[in-house]
Amino acid sequence: MGRHALQRTRPRRHLFALGYFFASSLVMVTIVDPYSGTMASADAVNTFDAPGEYQTLTIKPVADGDFARADFEVVSGQRARGVTVRIAPYPEPGTPKAFALQEVTSRNWDYNQFSCLVKLWERESNWRWNATNRSSGAYGIPQSLPASKMASAGADWRTNPETQILWGLGYIDGRYGSPCAALVHSDVHNWY
């Protein structure tokens, strides 16, 4: 009987040690910003203007105690609705996302805007150049409807992700002013 009692207490000690290590790790992750090596801060709030239905978008860090890192929330207008966006991982060179980041930067949009774009187009097409919506006929990475609109960006719009991205960013800029504004619209209306 003493032998069985000893076996029952060992796993509990190991679990206690493992739990202590896990909890300590979580506390350290919330104190230190893993991307910069400095202390984390939620003081910064970025505000920018977007034309159209959403007059002002505010981007603010999410601090809800769930230990999620690198999230932000897009809040808009009088009937504000928060959209939580995870900061997108830096894209691999030579990929459509890397090209999109280059184009987002050339439009003087920040990395938050790129993260909104990643979330928007993951929802729309999962970044597939040949994605086709069976019910509407929307096509490509930005899900252009009709698909032939993308011809204004280049004759290779059916197969070239860069042409589709150029058209999609032009559409977003002209209609919403920024990817985060387009994402908020998409979140509210289920289309952009």
N, C-alpha and C. Protein backbone atom coordinates (compact mmCIF):
# COMPACT_ATOMS: atom_id res chain seq x y z
N MET A 1 0.82 -1.19 0.00
CA MET A 1 0.00 0.00 0.00
C MET A 1 0.86 1.26 0.00
N GLY A 2 1.97 1.26 0.72
CA GLY A 2 2.86 2.41 0.75
C GLY A 2 3.47 2.68 -0.62
N ARG A 3 3.72 1.64 -1.36
CA ARG A 3 4.29 1.79 -2.69
C ARG A 3 3.33 2.52 -3.64
N HIS A 4 2.04 2.21 -3.59
CA HIS A 4 1.05 2.87 -4.43
C HIS A 4 0.88 4.33 -4.04
N ALA A 5 0.96 4.64 -2.76
CA ALA A 5 0.84 6.02 -2.32
C ALA A 5 2.01 6.84 -2.83
N LEU A 6 3.20 6.27 -2.85
CA LEU A 6 4.38 6.97 -3.36
C LEU A 6 4.24 7.25 -4.85
N GLN A 7 3.72 6.31 -5.60
CA GLN A 7 3.56 6.50 -7.03
C GLN A 7 2.54 7.59 -7.34
N ARG A 8 1.54 7.76 -6.50
CA ARG A 8 0.53 8.79 -6.74
C ARG A 8 1.08 10.19 -6.49
N THR A 9 2.00 10.37 -5.59
CA THR A 9 2.51 11.71 -5.28
C THR A 9 3.57 12.17 -6.26
N ARG A 10 4.33 11.29 -6.84
CA ARG A 10 5.36 11.70 -7.79
C ARG A 10 4.81 12.48 -8.98
N PRO A 11 3.79 11.95 -9.66
CA PRO A 11 3.27 12.71 -10.80
C PRO A 11 2.76 14.08 -10.40
N ARG A 12 2.21 14.21 -9.23
CA ARG A 12 1.72 15.51 -8.80
C ARG A 12 2.86 16.50 -8.62
N ARG A 13 3.99 16.06 -8.11
CA ARG A 13 5.14 16.96 -7.97
C ARG A 13 5.65 17.38 -9.34
N HIS A 14 5.67 16.46 -10.26
CA HIS A 14 6.12 16.79 -11.61
C HIS A 14 5.14 17.76 -12.29
N LEU A 15 3.86 17.52 -12.07
CA LEU A 15 2.87 18.43 -12.64
C LEU A 15 2.97 19.81 -12.02
N PHE A 16 3.24 19.86 -10.72
CA PHE A 16 3.40 21.16 -10.07
C PHE A 16 4.59 21.90 -10.68
N ALA A 17 5.71 21.20 -10.85
CA ALA A 17 6.91 21.83 -11.43
C ALA A 17 6.65 22.26 -12.86
N LEU A 18 5.98 21.40 -13.62
CA LEU A 18 5.66 21.74 -15.00
C LEU A 18 4.70 22.94 -15.07
N GLY A 19 3.70 22.95 -14.19
CA GLY A 19 2.77 24.07 -14.14
C GLY A 19 3.46 25.37 -13.77
N TYR A 20 4.38 25.31 -12.82
CA TYR A 20 5.13 26.50 -12.40
C TYR A 20 5.95 27.03 -13.58
N PHE A 21 6.64 26.14 -14.29
CA PHE A 21 7.44 26.55 -15.45
C PHE A 21 6.55 27.17 -16.52
N PHE A 22 5.41 26.56 -16.81
CA PHE A 22 4.49 27.07 -17.82
C PHE A 22 3.97 28.45 -17.44
N ALA A 23 3.50 28.60 -16.20
CA ALA A 23 2.98 29.90 -15.74
C ALA A 23 4.05 30.97 -15.78
N SER A 24 5.28 30.62 -15.37
CA SER A 24 6.37 31.60 -15.41
C SER A 24 6.67 32.02 -16.84
N SER A 25 6.61 31.08 -17.77
CA SER A 25 6.85 31.39 -19.18
C SER A 25 5.80 32.35 -19.71
N LEU A 26 4.54 32.12 -19.36
CA LEU A 26 3.47 33.00 -19.82
C LEU A 26 3.63 34.41 -19.27
N VAL A 27 4.03 34.51 -18.02
CA VAL A 27 4.25 35.83 -17.42
C VAL A 27 5.37 36.55 -18.15
N MET A 28 6.44 35.86 -18.47
CA MET A 28 7.57 36.49 -19.18
C MET A 28 7.16 36.93 -20.58
N VAL A 29 6.34 36.16 -21.26
CA VAL A 29 5.89 36.54 -22.60
C VAL A 29 5.05 37.81 -22.54
N THR A 30 4.28 38.00 -21.48
CA THR A 30 3.45 39.20 -21.40
C THR A 30 4.27 40.41 -21.00
N ILE A 31 5.41 40.21 -20.38
CA ILE A 31 6.25 41.34 -19.96
C ILE A 31 7.19 41.78 -21.07
N VAL A 32 7.75 40.86 -21.81
CA VAL A 32 8.75 41.17 -22.83
C VAL A 32 8.11 41.03 -24.20
N ASP A 33 8.29 42.05 -25.03
CA ASP A 33 7.79 42.01 -26.40
C ASP A 33 8.71 41.08 -27.21
N PRO A 34 8.21 39.92 -27.68
CA PRO A 34 9.09 38.97 -28.36
C PRO A 34 9.62 39.46 -29.69
N TYR A 35 9.02 40.50 -30.26
CA TYR A 35 9.47 41.00 -31.56
C TYR A 35 10.59 42.02 -31.45
N SER A 36 10.70 42.70 -30.33
CA SER A 36 11.73 43.72 -30.23
C SER A 36 12.70 43.47 -29.10
N GLY A 37 12.38 42.58 -28.18
CA GLY A 37 13.25 42.33 -27.05
C GLY A 37 13.12 43.38 -25.97
N THR A 38 12.19 44.31 -26.11
CA THR A 38 12.01 45.35 -25.12
C THR A 38 10.72 45.11 -24.36
N MET A 39 10.48 45.92 -23.38
CA MET A 39 9.25 45.79 -22.60
C MET A 39 8.04 46.10 -23.48
N ALA A 40 7.00 45.31 -23.33
CA ALA A 40 5.79 45.51 -24.11
C ALA A 40 5.04 46.75 -23.61
N SER A 41 4.36 47.44 -24.53
CA SER A 41 3.61 48.62 -24.17
C SER A 41 2.34 48.69 -25.01
N ALA A 42 1.24 49.05 -24.38
CA ALA A 42 -0.02 49.21 -25.10
C ALA A 42 -0.40 50.68 -25.18
N ASP A 43 0.57 51.57 -25.12
CA ASP A 43 0.29 53.00 -25.11
C ASP A 43 -0.04 53.56 -26.49
N ALA A 44 0.51 52.97 -27.54
CA ALA A 44 0.38 53.56 -28.88
C ALA A 44 -1.00 53.28 -29.47
N VAL A 45 -1.62 54.29 -30.01
CA VAL A 45 -2.87 54.16 -30.73
C VAL A 45 -2.70 54.85 -32.07
N ASN A 46 -2.88 54.11 -33.16
CA ASN A 46 -2.74 54.68 -34.49
C ASN A 46 -4.13 55.07 -35.00
N THR A 47 -4.26 56.28 -35.51
CA THR A 47 -5.53 56.72 -36.07
C THR A 47 -5.28 57.19 -37.49
N PHE A 48 -6.19 56.86 -38.39
CA PHE A 48 -6.07 57.32 -39.76
C PHE A 48 -7.46 57.52 -40.32
N ASP A 49 -7.55 58.33 -41.35
CA ASP A 49 -8.84 58.63 -41.96
C ASP A 49 -9.09 57.71 -43.14
N ALA A 50 -10.33 57.33 -43.31
CA ALA A 50 -10.75 56.51 -44.45
C ALA A 50 -12.02 57.12 -45.01
N PRO A 51 -12.06 57.35 -46.34
CA PRO A 51 -13.28 57.91 -46.92
C PRO A 51 -14.40 56.90 -46.93
N GLY A 52 -15.60 57.36 -47.15
CA GLY A 52 -16.74 56.46 -47.28
C GLY A 52 -17.54 56.34 -46.00
N GLU A 53 -18.15 55.19 -45.85
CA GLU A 53 -19.05 54.95 -44.73
C GLU A 53 -18.34 55.06 -43.37
N TYR A 54 -17.10 54.63 -43.29
CA TYR A 54 -16.34 54.67 -42.05
C TYR A 54 -15.42 55.87 -42.08
N GLN A 55 -15.75 56.89 -41.32
CA GLN A 55 -15.01 58.14 -41.37
C GLN A 55 -13.66 58.06 -40.67
N THR A 56 -13.60 57.42 -39.52
CA THR A 56 -12.35 57.34 -38.78
C THR A 56 -12.15 55.92 -38.29
N LEU A 57 -11.00 55.38 -38.54
CA LEU A 57 -10.65 54.07 -38.02
C LEU A 57 -9.59 54.27 -36.95
N THR A 58 -9.72 53.56 -35.90
CA THR A 58 -8.73 53.59 -34.84
C THR A 58 -8.20 52.18 -34.66
N ILE A 59 -6.90 52.06 -34.64
CA ILE A 59 -6.27 50.77 -34.40
C ILE A 59 -5.71 50.81 -32.99
N LYS A 60 -6.11 49.84 -32.16
CA LYS A 60 -5.62 49.82 -30.80
C LYS A 60 -5.21 48.40 -30.44
N PRO A 61 -4.18 48.25 -29.61
CA PRO A 61 -3.75 46.92 -29.19
C PRO A 61 -4.84 46.24 -28.37
N VAL A 62 -4.90 44.93 -28.46
CA VAL A 62 -5.84 44.15 -27.68
C VAL A 62 -5.14 43.76 -26.38
N ALA A 63 -5.77 44.04 -25.27
CA ALA A 63 -5.21 43.68 -23.96
C ALA A 63 -6.33 43.09 -23.12
N ASP A 64 -6.62 41.81 -23.35
CA ASP A 64 -7.73 41.19 -22.64
C ASP A 64 -7.27 40.10 -21.68
N GLY A 65 -5.98 39.98 -21.44
CA GLY A 65 -5.48 39.04 -20.47
C GLY A 65 -5.44 37.60 -20.94
N ASP A 66 -5.63 37.34 -22.24
CA ASP A 66 -5.61 35.95 -22.69
C ASP A 66 -4.24 35.51 -23.18
N PHE A 67 -3.23 36.32 -22.98
CA PHE A 67 -1.85 36.06 -23.36
C PHE A 67 -1.65 35.98 -24.87
N ALA A 68 -2.65 36.35 -25.64
CA ALA A 68 -2.48 36.41 -27.10
C ALA A 68 -1.56 37.58 -27.41
N ARG A 69 -0.61 37.36 -28.26
CA ARG A 69 0.36 38.39 -28.61
C ARG A 69 0.10 38.88 -30.02
N ALA A 70 0.44 40.10 -30.25
CA ALA A 70 0.44 40.68 -31.58
C ALA A 70 -0.95 40.74 -32.20
N ASP A 71 -1.94 41.10 -31.41
CA ASP A 71 -3.28 41.34 -31.94
C ASP A 71 -3.57 42.83 -31.85
N PHE A 72 -4.42 43.32 -32.73
CA PHE A 72 -4.92 44.67 -32.60
C PHE A 72 -6.37 44.67 -33.01
N GLU A 73 -7.07 45.74 -32.65
CA GLU A 73 -8.49 45.84 -32.94
C GLU A 73 -8.72 47.07 -33.79
N VAL A 74 -9.54 46.94 -34.82
CA VAL A 74 -9.92 48.07 -35.66
C VAL A 74 -11.32 48.48 -35.22
N VAL A 75 -11.45 49.74 -34.81
CA VAL A 75 -12.73 50.26 -34.33
C VAL A 75 -13.10 51.42 -35.23
N SER A 76 -14.39 51.56 -35.56
CA SER A 76 -14.77 52.53 -36.56
C SER A 76 -16.11 53.18 -36.26
N GLY A 77 -16.19 54.50 -36.47
CA GLY A 77 -17.44 55.24 -36.52
C GLY A 77 -18.29 55.21 -35.27
N GLN A 78 -19.48 55.81 -35.37
CA GLN A 78 -20.40 55.89 -34.24
C GLN A 78 -20.95 54.51 -33.90
N ARG A 79 -21.22 53.71 -34.90
CA ARG A 79 -21.70 52.35 -34.66
C ARG A 79 -20.50 51.41 -34.69
N ALA A 80 -19.53 51.68 -33.83
CA ALA A 80 -18.26 50.97 -33.86
C ALA A 80 -18.43 49.48 -33.64
N ARG A 81 -17.69 48.74 -34.40
CA ARG A 81 -17.65 47.29 -34.25
C ARG A 81 -16.19 46.89 -34.32
N GLY A 82 -15.71 46.27 -33.28
CA GLY A 82 -14.31 45.89 -33.24
C GLY A 82 -14.02 44.68 -34.11
N VAL A 83 -12.92 44.70 -34.80
CA VAL A 83 -12.45 43.58 -35.59
C VAL A 83 -11.05 43.29 -35.08
N THR A 84 -10.85 42.10 -34.55
CA THR A 84 -9.53 41.74 -34.05
C THR A 84 -8.70 41.18 -35.19
N VAL A 85 -7.49 41.69 -35.31
CA VAL A 85 -6.60 41.29 -36.39
C VAL A 85 -5.27 40.86 -35.79
N ARG A 86 -4.81 39.69 -36.16
CA ARG A 86 -3.49 39.22 -35.73
C ARG A 86 -2.45 39.83 -36.67
N ILE A 87 -1.37 40.35 -36.10
CA ILE A 87 -0.29 40.88 -36.92
C ILE A 87 0.19 39.75 -37.83
N ALA A 88 0.21 40.01 -39.12
CA ALA A 88 0.60 38.98 -40.09
C ALA A 88 2.09 38.66 -39.97
N PRO A 89 2.43 37.39 -40.11
CA PRO A 89 3.86 37.05 -40.14
C PRO A 89 4.51 37.70 -41.35
N TYR A 90 5.79 38.00 -41.22
CA TYR A 90 6.50 38.61 -42.34
C TYR A 90 6.54 37.59 -43.48
N PRO A 91 6.13 37.98 -44.69
CA PRO A 91 6.02 37.00 -45.79
C PRO A 91 7.37 36.55 -46.32
N GLU A 92 7.36 35.34 -46.85
CA GLU A 92 8.56 34.79 -47.49
C GLU A 92 8.82 35.53 -48.80
N PRO A 93 10.08 35.84 -49.09
CA PRO A 93 10.41 36.54 -50.34
C PRO A 93 9.93 35.75 -51.56
N GLY A 94 9.48 36.48 -52.56
CA GLY A 94 9.05 35.87 -53.81
C GLY A 94 7.62 35.35 -53.81
N THR A 95 6.90 35.53 -52.70
CA THR A 95 5.52 35.06 -52.63
C THR A 95 4.56 36.21 -52.95
N PRO A 96 3.31 35.88 -53.28
CA PRO A 96 2.32 36.95 -53.51
C PRO A 96 2.18 37.87 -52.29
N LYS A 97 2.26 37.33 -51.09
CA LYS A 97 2.16 38.19 -49.90
C LYS A 97 3.33 39.15 -49.81
N ALA A 98 4.52 38.70 -50.19
CA ALA A 98 5.69 39.60 -50.18
C ALA A 98 5.49 40.73 -51.19
N PHE A 99 4.96 40.40 -52.36
CA PHE A 99 4.66 41.43 -53.35
C PHE A 99 3.61 42.40 -52.81
N ALA A 100 2.59 41.86 -52.15
CA ALA A 100 1.54 42.71 -51.59
C ALA A 100 2.11 43.64 -50.52
N LEU A 101 3.01 43.14 -49.68
CA LEU A 101 3.63 43.99 -48.66
C LEU A 101 4.41 45.13 -49.31
N GLN A 102 5.13 44.82 -50.37
CA GLN A 102 5.88 45.85 -51.10
C GLN A 102 4.93 46.93 -51.62
N GLU A 103 3.81 46.51 -52.17
CA GLU A 103 2.83 47.46 -52.72
C GLU A 103 2.11 48.24 -51.62
N VAL A 104 1.82 47.59 -50.52
CA VAL A 104 1.19 48.28 -49.38
C VAL A 104 2.13 49.37 -48.88
N THR A 105 3.40 49.04 -48.75
CA THR A 105 4.40 50.00 -48.29
C THR A 105 4.55 51.15 -49.28
N SER A 106 4.48 50.86 -50.58
CA SER A 106 4.61 51.92 -51.59
C SER A 106 3.44 52.90 -51.54
N ARG A 107 2.33 52.48 -50.96
CA ARG A 107 1.17 53.37 -50.80
C ARG A 107 1.19 54.10 -49.45
N ASN A 108 2.30 53.99 -48.75
CA ASN A 108 2.49 54.63 -47.43
C ASN A 108 1.51 54.10 -46.38
N TRP A 109 1.12 52.84 -46.51
CA TRP A 109 0.33 52.19 -45.48
C TRP A 109 1.29 51.43 -44.58
N ASP A 110 0.96 51.30 -43.31
CA ASP A 110 1.85 50.63 -42.38
C ASP A 110 1.59 49.12 -42.33
N TYR A 111 2.34 48.45 -41.47
CA TYR A 111 2.23 46.99 -41.39
C TYR A 111 0.87 46.55 -40.85
N ASN A 112 0.22 47.38 -40.05
CA ASN A 112 -1.14 47.06 -39.61
C ASN A 112 -2.07 46.92 -40.81
N GLN A 113 -1.90 47.79 -41.80
CA GLN A 113 -2.72 47.71 -43.01
C GLN A 113 -2.44 46.41 -43.76
N PHE A 114 -1.18 46.03 -43.81
CA PHE A 114 -0.84 44.75 -44.46
C PHE A 114 -1.50 43.59 -43.72
N SER A 115 -1.50 43.65 -42.39
CA SER A 115 -2.14 42.59 -41.60
C SER A 115 -3.64 42.52 -41.88
N CYS A 116 -4.28 43.67 -42.02
CA CYS A 116 -5.70 43.68 -42.38
C CYS A 116 -5.91 43.08 -43.77
N LEU A 117 -5.02 43.41 -44.70
CA LEU A 117 -5.11 42.86 -46.05
C LEU A 117 -4.97 41.35 -46.04
N VAL A 118 -4.01 40.85 -45.26
CA VAL A 118 -3.81 39.41 -45.17
C VAL A 118 -5.08 38.73 -44.67
N LYS A 119 -5.68 39.29 -43.61
CA LYS A 119 -6.90 38.69 -43.06
C LYS A 119 -8.04 38.77 -44.07
N LEU A 120 -8.18 39.91 -44.74
CA LEU A 120 -9.26 40.09 -45.72
C LEU A 120 -9.14 39.08 -46.85
N TRP A 121 -7.96 38.96 -47.43
CA TRP A 121 -7.80 38.08 -48.59
C TRP A 121 -7.67 36.62 -48.21
N GLU A 122 -7.31 36.32 -46.97
CA GLU A 122 -7.41 34.93 -46.52
C GLU A 122 -8.88 34.53 -46.47
N ARG A 123 -9.70 35.45 -46.02
CA ARG A 123 -11.15 35.20 -45.95
C ARG A 123 -11.74 35.07 -47.36
N GLU A 124 -11.31 35.90 -48.27
CA GLU A 124 -11.89 35.93 -49.61
C GLU A 124 -11.43 34.75 -50.48
N SER A 125 -10.12 34.51 -50.52
CA SER A 125 -9.59 33.53 -51.48
C SER A 125 -8.48 32.65 -50.93
N ASN A 126 -8.10 32.88 -49.68
CA ASN A 126 -6.93 32.21 -49.09
C ASN A 126 -5.68 32.45 -49.94
N TRP A 127 -5.64 33.62 -50.59
CA TRP A 127 -4.51 34.07 -51.40
C TRP A 127 -4.26 33.17 -52.62
N ARG A 128 -5.29 32.53 -53.12
CA ARG A 128 -5.16 31.69 -54.32
C ARG A 128 -5.52 32.51 -55.55
N TRP A 129 -4.62 32.56 -56.53
CA TRP A 129 -4.85 33.37 -57.73
C TRP A 129 -5.98 32.81 -58.57
N ASN A 130 -6.29 31.51 -58.43
CA ASN A 130 -7.34 30.91 -59.25
C ASN A 130 -8.62 30.61 -58.46
N ALA A 131 -8.77 31.22 -57.30
CA ALA A 131 -9.97 31.00 -56.48
C ALA A 131 -11.19 31.54 -57.21
N THR A 132 -12.23 30.72 -57.30
CA THR A 132 -13.46 31.12 -57.98
C THR A 132 -14.64 30.87 -57.05
N ASN A 133 -15.48 31.89 -56.88
CA ASN A 133 -16.70 31.74 -56.10
C ASN A 133 -17.75 31.14 -57.01
N ARG A 134 -18.20 29.95 -56.71
CA ARG A 134 -19.14 29.24 -57.58
C ARG A 134 -20.48 29.94 -57.72
N SER A 135 -20.91 30.61 -56.66
CA SER A 135 -22.24 31.24 -56.74
C SER A 135 -22.20 32.61 -57.42
N SER A 136 -21.15 33.40 -57.18
CA SER A 136 -21.13 34.76 -57.75
C SER A 136 -20.23 34.90 -58.97
N GLY A 137 -19.24 34.02 -59.10
CA GLY A 137 -18.28 34.15 -60.19
C GLY A 137 -17.09 35.03 -59.85
N ALA A 138 -17.03 35.56 -58.62
CA ALA A 138 -15.87 36.36 -58.20
C ALA A 138 -14.62 35.51 -58.35
N TYR A 139 -13.49 36.17 -58.71
CA TYR A 139 -12.31 35.42 -59.10
C TYR A 139 -11.04 36.05 -58.54
N GLY A 140 -10.05 35.20 -58.30
CA GLY A 140 -8.71 35.64 -57.97
C GLY A 140 -8.51 35.96 -56.51
N ILE A 141 -7.32 36.43 -56.19
CA ILE A 141 -6.96 36.76 -54.82
C ILE A 141 -7.92 37.79 -54.23
N PRO A 142 -8.20 38.90 -54.95
CA PRO A 142 -9.12 39.89 -54.37
C PRO A 142 -10.59 39.58 -54.60
N GLN A 143 -10.90 38.50 -55.29
CA GLN A 143 -12.29 38.11 -55.59
C GLN A 143 -13.03 39.22 -56.33
N SER A 144 -12.48 39.60 -57.46
CA SER A 144 -13.07 40.62 -58.33
C SER A 144 -14.38 40.12 -58.92
N LEU A 145 -15.38 41.01 -58.93
CA LEU A 145 -16.68 40.67 -59.49
C LEU A 145 -17.17 41.82 -60.36
N PRO A 146 -17.31 41.69 -61.65
CA PRO A 146 -16.92 40.52 -62.42
C PRO A 146 -15.39 40.41 -62.50
N ALA A 147 -14.94 39.21 -62.77
CA ALA A 147 -13.50 38.94 -62.79
C ALA A 147 -12.77 39.78 -63.84
N SER A 148 -13.44 40.07 -64.94
CA SER A 148 -12.80 40.80 -66.04
C SER A 148 -12.39 42.22 -65.67
N LYS A 149 -12.88 42.75 -64.53
CA LYS A 149 -12.44 44.08 -64.09
C LYS A 149 -10.93 44.13 -63.92
N MET A 150 -10.33 42.98 -63.55
CA MET A 150 -8.89 42.96 -63.30
C MET A 150 -8.07 43.16 -64.57
N ALA A 151 -8.70 43.07 -65.74
CA ALA A 151 -7.98 43.30 -66.99
C ALA A 151 -7.42 44.71 -67.05
N SER A 152 -8.00 45.64 -66.30
CA SER A 152 -7.48 47.01 -66.28
C SER A 152 -6.08 47.09 -65.66
N ALA A 153 -5.68 46.06 -64.90
CA ALA A 153 -4.35 46.03 -64.30
C ALA A 153 -3.35 45.26 -65.14
N GLY A 154 -3.83 44.49 -66.12
CA GLY A 154 -2.92 43.73 -66.98
C GLY A 154 -3.64 42.61 -67.69
N ALA A 155 -3.14 42.27 -68.88
CA ALA A 155 -3.76 41.23 -69.69
C ALA A 155 -3.62 39.84 -69.06
N ASP A 156 -2.68 39.67 -68.16
CA ASP A 156 -2.44 38.36 -67.54
C ASP A 156 -3.20 38.19 -66.22
N TRP A 157 -4.29 38.92 -66.04
CA TRP A 157 -5.02 38.93 -64.77
C TRP A 157 -5.56 37.56 -64.37
N ARG A 158 -5.79 36.67 -65.33
CA ARG A 158 -6.34 35.34 -65.01
C ARG A 158 -5.34 34.46 -64.26
N THR A 159 -4.04 34.67 -64.50
CA THR A 159 -3.02 33.76 -63.95
C THR A 159 -1.92 34.43 -63.15
N ASN A 160 -1.85 35.74 -63.14
CA ASN A 160 -0.75 36.41 -62.46
C ASN A 160 -1.22 37.01 -61.13
N PRO A 161 -0.74 36.46 -60.01
CA PRO A 161 -1.15 36.99 -58.72
C PRO A 161 -0.74 38.46 -58.52
N GLU A 162 0.38 38.88 -59.10
CA GLU A 162 0.81 40.27 -58.94
C GLU A 162 -0.16 41.23 -59.62
N THR A 163 -0.64 40.87 -60.78
CA THR A 163 -1.62 41.70 -61.47
C THR A 163 -2.90 41.79 -60.64
N GLN A 164 -3.33 40.67 -60.09
CA GLN A 164 -4.53 40.64 -59.26
C GLN A 164 -4.34 41.50 -58.01
N ILE A 165 -3.17 41.42 -57.40
CA ILE A 165 -2.88 42.21 -56.19
C ILE A 165 -2.89 43.70 -56.52
N LEU A 166 -2.27 44.08 -57.63
CA LEU A 166 -2.27 45.50 -58.03
C LEU A 166 -3.70 46.00 -58.22
N TRP A 167 -4.51 45.21 -58.92
CA TRP A 167 -5.90 45.62 -59.11
C TRP A 167 -6.63 45.69 -57.77
N GLY A 168 -6.46 44.67 -56.93
CA GLY A 168 -7.16 44.62 -55.65
C GLY A 168 -6.79 45.78 -54.74
N LEU A 169 -5.51 46.14 -54.69
CA LEU A 169 -5.10 47.28 -53.85
C LEU A 169 -5.63 48.59 -54.40
N GLY A 170 -5.67 48.72 -55.73
CA GLY A 170 -6.26 49.92 -56.34
C GLY A 170 -7.75 50.03 -56.00
N TYR A 171 -8.44 48.90 -56.06
CA TYR A 171 -9.87 48.88 -55.72
C TYR A 171 -10.07 49.27 -54.25
N ILE A 172 -9.29 48.68 -53.37
CA ILE A 172 -9.41 48.98 -51.93
C ILE A 172 -9.12 50.44 -51.67
N ASP A 173 -8.05 50.95 -52.26
CA ASP A 173 -7.66 52.35 -52.06
C ASP A 173 -8.76 53.28 -52.56
N GLY A 174 -9.29 53.02 -53.74
CA GLY A 174 -10.31 53.90 -54.32
C GLY A 174 -11.65 53.84 -53.61
N ARG A 175 -12.04 52.66 -53.13
CA ARG A 175 -13.36 52.52 -52.52
C ARG A 175 -13.38 52.72 -51.01
N TYR A 176 -12.32 52.24 -50.31
CA TYR A 176 -12.33 52.28 -48.85
C TYR A 176 -11.22 53.13 -48.24
N GLY A 177 -10.18 53.39 -49.00
CA GLY A 177 -9.08 54.21 -48.49
C GLY A 177 -7.97 53.42 -47.83
N SER A 178 -8.27 52.20 -47.38
CA SER A 178 -7.23 51.39 -46.74
C SER A 178 -7.73 49.96 -46.58
N PRO A 179 -6.81 49.01 -46.45
CA PRO A 179 -7.21 47.62 -46.21
C PRO A 179 -7.99 47.42 -44.91
N CYS A 180 -7.64 48.14 -43.84
CA CYS A 180 -8.38 47.98 -42.58
C CYS A 180 -9.82 48.46 -42.73
N ALA A 181 -10.03 49.54 -43.48
CA ALA A 181 -11.40 50.01 -43.72
C ALA A 181 -12.18 48.98 -44.54
N ALA A 182 -11.52 48.36 -45.53
CA ALA A 182 -12.18 47.31 -46.33
C ALA A 182 -12.50 46.10 -45.46
N LEU A 183 -11.60 45.76 -44.54
CA LEU A 183 -11.83 44.62 -43.65
C LEU A 183 -13.02 44.88 -42.73
N VAL A 184 -13.11 46.09 -42.18
CA VAL A 184 -14.24 46.42 -41.32
C VAL A 184 -15.54 46.31 -42.10
N HIS A 185 -15.56 46.84 -43.33
CA HIS A 185 -16.75 46.74 -44.18
C HIS A 185 -17.10 45.28 -44.44
N SER A 186 -16.09 44.47 -44.77
CA SER A 186 -16.31 43.06 -45.03
C SER A 186 -16.84 42.34 -43.78
N ASP A 187 -16.34 42.73 -42.63
CA ASP A 187 -16.79 42.08 -41.39
C ASP A 187 -18.24 42.40 -41.10
N VAL A 188 -18.66 43.64 -41.40
CA VAL A 188 -20.04 44.06 -41.14
C VAL A 188 -21.00 43.51 -42.20
N HIS A 189 -20.61 43.57 -43.49
CA HIS A 189 -21.52 43.26 -44.59
C HIS A 189 -21.26 41.91 -45.27
N ASN A 190 -20.16 41.27 -44.92
CA ASN A 190 -19.78 39.98 -45.50
C ASN A 190 -19.38 40.10 -46.98
N TRP A 191 -19.00 41.27 -47.40
CA TRP A 191 -18.45 41.53 -48.73
C TRP A 191 -17.71 42.85 -48.66
N TYR A 192 -16.86 43.11 -49.63
CA TYR A 192 -16.19 44.41 -49.69
C TYR A 192 -16.12 44.90 -51.12
